[in-house]
């Protein structure tokens, strides 16, 4: 999508200037699209379209300076490639307990997704146990029922049964 430099709007600005002003008001000044439309005498839809045009043309570039930037990029790629609705990528830290970090991330995501009295089907493994340990209070308070995805896994299921019993109200 290209910016039309030759056409002058009713406000006496070329399209590139409109995009630049809208982007400044939106990203720098924190104005809403509605506030910008009032200020410039444009419709909110026009403001939205010009912001999109600014992104597509390269006038507007968003830069995120965070150690989580790579995680967000991977999340987007995974979401697109596998048609996933919910994705969380956890940043790696030197000398960190990977299973524990995965458990924390998974527990946070599950707490945002699970509704009271839902059933949670689980597999087995270290990350799953780390997740369940961090979910125990939540499981209890929300009356979440645990079931296994695989049958007859012996001592692991004994532990799940104990955790489920401890979490039952």
Protein backbone atom coordinates (compact mmCIF):
# COMPACT_ATOMS: atom_id res chain seq x y z
CA UNK A 1 0.00 0.00 0.00
CA UNK A 2 1.45 3.34 -0.98
CA UNK A 3 0.92 6.79 0.42
CA UNK A 4 -0.54 9.39 -1.93
CA UNK A 5 1.80 12.40 -1.65
CA UNK A 6 0.14 14.55 -4.29
CA UNK A 7 -3.45 14.68 -2.99
CA UNK A 8 -4.11 17.37 -0.41
CA UNK A 9 -6.89 16.71 2.10
CA UNK A 10 -9.56 19.13 3.24
CA UNK A 11 -7.26 19.93 6.18
CA UNK A 12 -4.51 21.07 3.79
CA UNK A 13 -2.27 18.07 4.44
CA UNK A 14 -0.95 15.42 2.10
CA UNK A 15 -1.68 11.84 3.11
CA UNK A 16 1.84 11.25 4.42
CA UNK A 17 1.51 14.23 6.76
CA UNK A 18 -1.88 12.94 7.95
CA UNK A 19 -0.36 9.53 8.67
CA UNK A 20 2.57 11.12 10.52
CA UNK A 21 0.31 13.34 12.64
CA UNK A 22 -2.11 10.52 13.42
CA UNK A 23 0.76 8.21 14.37
CA UNK A 24 2.28 10.90 16.60
CA UNK A 25 -1.01 11.58 18.37
CA UNK A 26 -1.73 7.86 18.75
CA UNK A 27 1.67 6.47 19.79
CA UNK A 28 3.41 9.48 21.32
CA UNK A 29 0.56 11.43 22.91
CA UNK A 30 -1.58 8.39 23.73
CA UNK A 31 -4.76 9.78 22.16
CA UNK A 32 -7.50 7.37 21.13
CA UNK A 33 -8.54 7.06 17.50
CA UNK A 34 -11.78 8.81 18.43
CA UNK A 35 -9.90 11.75 20.00
CA UNK A 36 -7.68 12.00 16.92
CA UNK A 37 -10.67 11.97 14.60
CA UNK A 38 -12.23 14.84 16.56
CA UNK A 39 -8.99 16.81 16.57
CA UNK A 40 -8.36 16.41 12.83
CA UNK A 41 -11.96 16.47 11.63
CA UNK A 42 -11.76 12.94 10.22
CA UNK A 43 -13.94 9.90 10.80
CA UNK A 44 -12.62 7.30 13.23
CA UNK A 45 -12.65 4.80 10.36
CA UNK A 46 -10.40 7.12 8.30
CA UNK A 47 -7.98 7.43 11.24
CA UNK A 48 -7.90 3.64 11.61
CA UNK A 49 -7.31 3.14 7.89
CA UNK A 50 -4.51 5.72 7.81
CA UNK A 51 -2.80 4.05 10.79
CA UNK A 52 -2.96 0.73 8.94
CA UNK A 53 -1.68 2.37 5.75
CA UNK A 54 1.18 3.89 7.73
CA UNK A 55 2.18 0.45 9.02
CA UNK A 56 1.96 -1.17 5.60
CA UNK A 57 3.93 1.60 3.89
CA UNK A 58 6.68 1.61 6.51
CA UNK A 59 6.05 5.15 7.78
CA UNK A 60 4.98 3.66 11.10
CA UNK A 61 7.28 1.07 12.60
CA UNK A 62 6.74 -0.27 16.08
CA UNK A 63 9.86 -1.32 17.96
CA UNK A 64 9.64 -3.30 21.15
CA UNK A 65 12.74 -3.20 23.34
CA UNK A 66 12.25 -6.05 25.76
CA UNK A 67 13.83 -9.37 26.55
CA UNK A 68 10.37 -10.81 25.76
CA UNK A 69 10.37 -9.51 22.17
CA UNK A 70 11.67 -12.79 20.74
CA UNK A 71 9.08 -14.74 22.72
CA UNK A 72 6.28 -12.64 21.28
CA UNK A 73 7.60 -13.20 17.77
CA UNK A 74 7.77 -16.98 18.31
CA UNK A 75 4.24 -16.95 19.76
CA UNK A 76 2.95 -15.24 16.63
CA UNK A 77 4.73 -17.73 14.36
CA UNK A 78 3.42 -20.73 16.32
CA UNK A 79 -0.11 -19.30 16.41
CA UNK A 80 -0.11 -18.83 12.62
CA UNK A 81 1.64 -22.04 11.62
CA UNK A 82 -0.45 -24.35 13.80
CA UNK A 83 -3.71 -22.33 13.99
CA UNK A 84 -3.44 -22.11 17.77
CA UNK A 85 -5.64 -19.83 19.83
CA UNK A 86 -3.46 -19.60 22.94
CA UNK A 87 0.34 -19.63 22.92
CA UNK A 88 2.89 -18.60 25.52
CA UNK A 89 6.65 -18.79 24.95
CA UNK A 90 8.74 -18.49 28.10
CA UNK A 91 12.15 -16.76 27.85
CA UNK A 92 15.15 -18.88 28.69
CA UNK A 93 17.30 -17.79 31.60
CA UNK A 94 20.80 -19.04 32.37
CA UNK A 95 20.90 -21.55 35.22
CA UNK A 96 17.09 -21.60 35.45
CA UNK A 97 14.95 -24.64 36.24
CA UNK A 98 13.30 -25.15 32.85
CA UNK A 99 10.58 -27.47 34.18
CA UNK A 100 9.74 -25.01 36.94
CA UNK A 101 9.59 -22.08 34.53
CA UNK A 102 7.38 -24.05 32.13
CA UNK A 103 5.14 -24.96 35.07
CA UNK A 104 4.78 -21.31 36.07
CA UNK A 105 3.99 -20.21 32.50
CA UNK A 106 1.50 -23.02 31.93
CA UNK A 107 -0.19 -22.40 35.29
CA UNK A 108 -0.63 -18.69 34.52
CA UNK A 109 -2.13 -19.47 31.14
CA UNK A 110 -4.47 -22.14 32.51
CA UNK A 111 -5.68 -19.83 35.29
CA UNK A 112 -6.70 -17.30 32.65
CA UNK A 113 -8.52 -19.92 30.55
CA UNK A 114 -10.20 -22.34 32.96
CA UNK A 115 -13.72 -21.64 34.18
CA UNK A 116 -15.11 -22.87 37.53
CA UNK A 117 -16.05 -26.56 37.60
CA UNK A 118 -14.39 -27.36 34.27
CA UNK A 119 -12.51 -30.58 33.67
CA UNK A 120 -8.77 -30.46 32.98
CA UNK A 121 -7.31 -33.44 31.12
CA UNK A 122 -3.60 -33.85 31.83
CA UNK A 123 -0.68 -35.89 30.59
CA UNK A 124 2.33 -36.76 32.67
CA UNK A 125 5.85 -35.51 33.06
CA UNK A 126 7.95 -33.06 35.02
CA UNK A 127 6.49 -29.90 33.45
CA UNK A 128 2.95 -31.18 34.05
CA UNK A 129 3.70 -31.87 37.71
CA UNK A 130 5.29 -28.42 38.07
CA UNK A 131 2.17 -26.89 36.52
CA UNK A 132 -0.18 -28.81 38.82
CA UNK A 133 1.83 -27.85 41.90
CA UNK A 134 1.36 -24.19 41.02
CA UNK A 135 -2.32 -24.73 40.22
CA UNK A 136 -3.30 -26.60 43.39
CA UNK A 137 -4.96 -23.65 45.17
CA UNK A 138 -6.65 -22.53 41.97
CA UNK A 139 -7.91 -26.05 41.22
CA UNK A 140 -9.40 -26.23 44.69
CA UNK A 141 -11.02 -22.78 44.71
CA UNK A 142 -12.48 -23.17 41.20
CA UNK A 143 -13.50 -26.83 41.70
CA UNK A 144 -11.58 -27.97 38.62
CA UNK A 145 -11.74 -31.75 38.05
CA UNK A 146 -8.55 -33.51 36.92
CA UNK A 147 -8.57 -36.50 34.56
CA UNK A 148 -5.67 -38.24 32.84
CA UNK A 149 -5.17 -38.32 29.09
CA UNK A 150 -3.41 -41.67 29.29
CA UNK A 151 -4.53 -44.71 31.19
CA UNK A 152 -2.71 -46.67 33.86
CA UNK A 153 0.44 -44.73 34.57
CA UNK A 154 0.85 -46.21 38.03
CA UNK A 155 2.58 -44.14 40.68
CA UNK A 156 2.07 -40.99 38.67
CA UNK A 157 -1.69 -41.47 38.89
CA UNK A 158 -1.41 -42.07 42.62
CA UNK A 159 0.21 -38.65 42.90
CA UNK A 160 -2.49 -37.08 40.72
CA UNK A 161 -5.16 -38.74 42.85
CA UNK A 162 -3.57 -37.33 45.98
CA UNK A 163 -3.29 -33.88 44.43
CA UNK A 164 -6.89 -34.04 43.20
CA UNK A 165 -8.07 -35.15 46.66
CA UNK A 166 -6.07 -32.39 48.32
CA UNK A 167 -7.62 -29.84 45.96
CA UNK A 168 -11.20 -31.09 46.34
CA UNK A 169 -13.54 -28.97 48.37
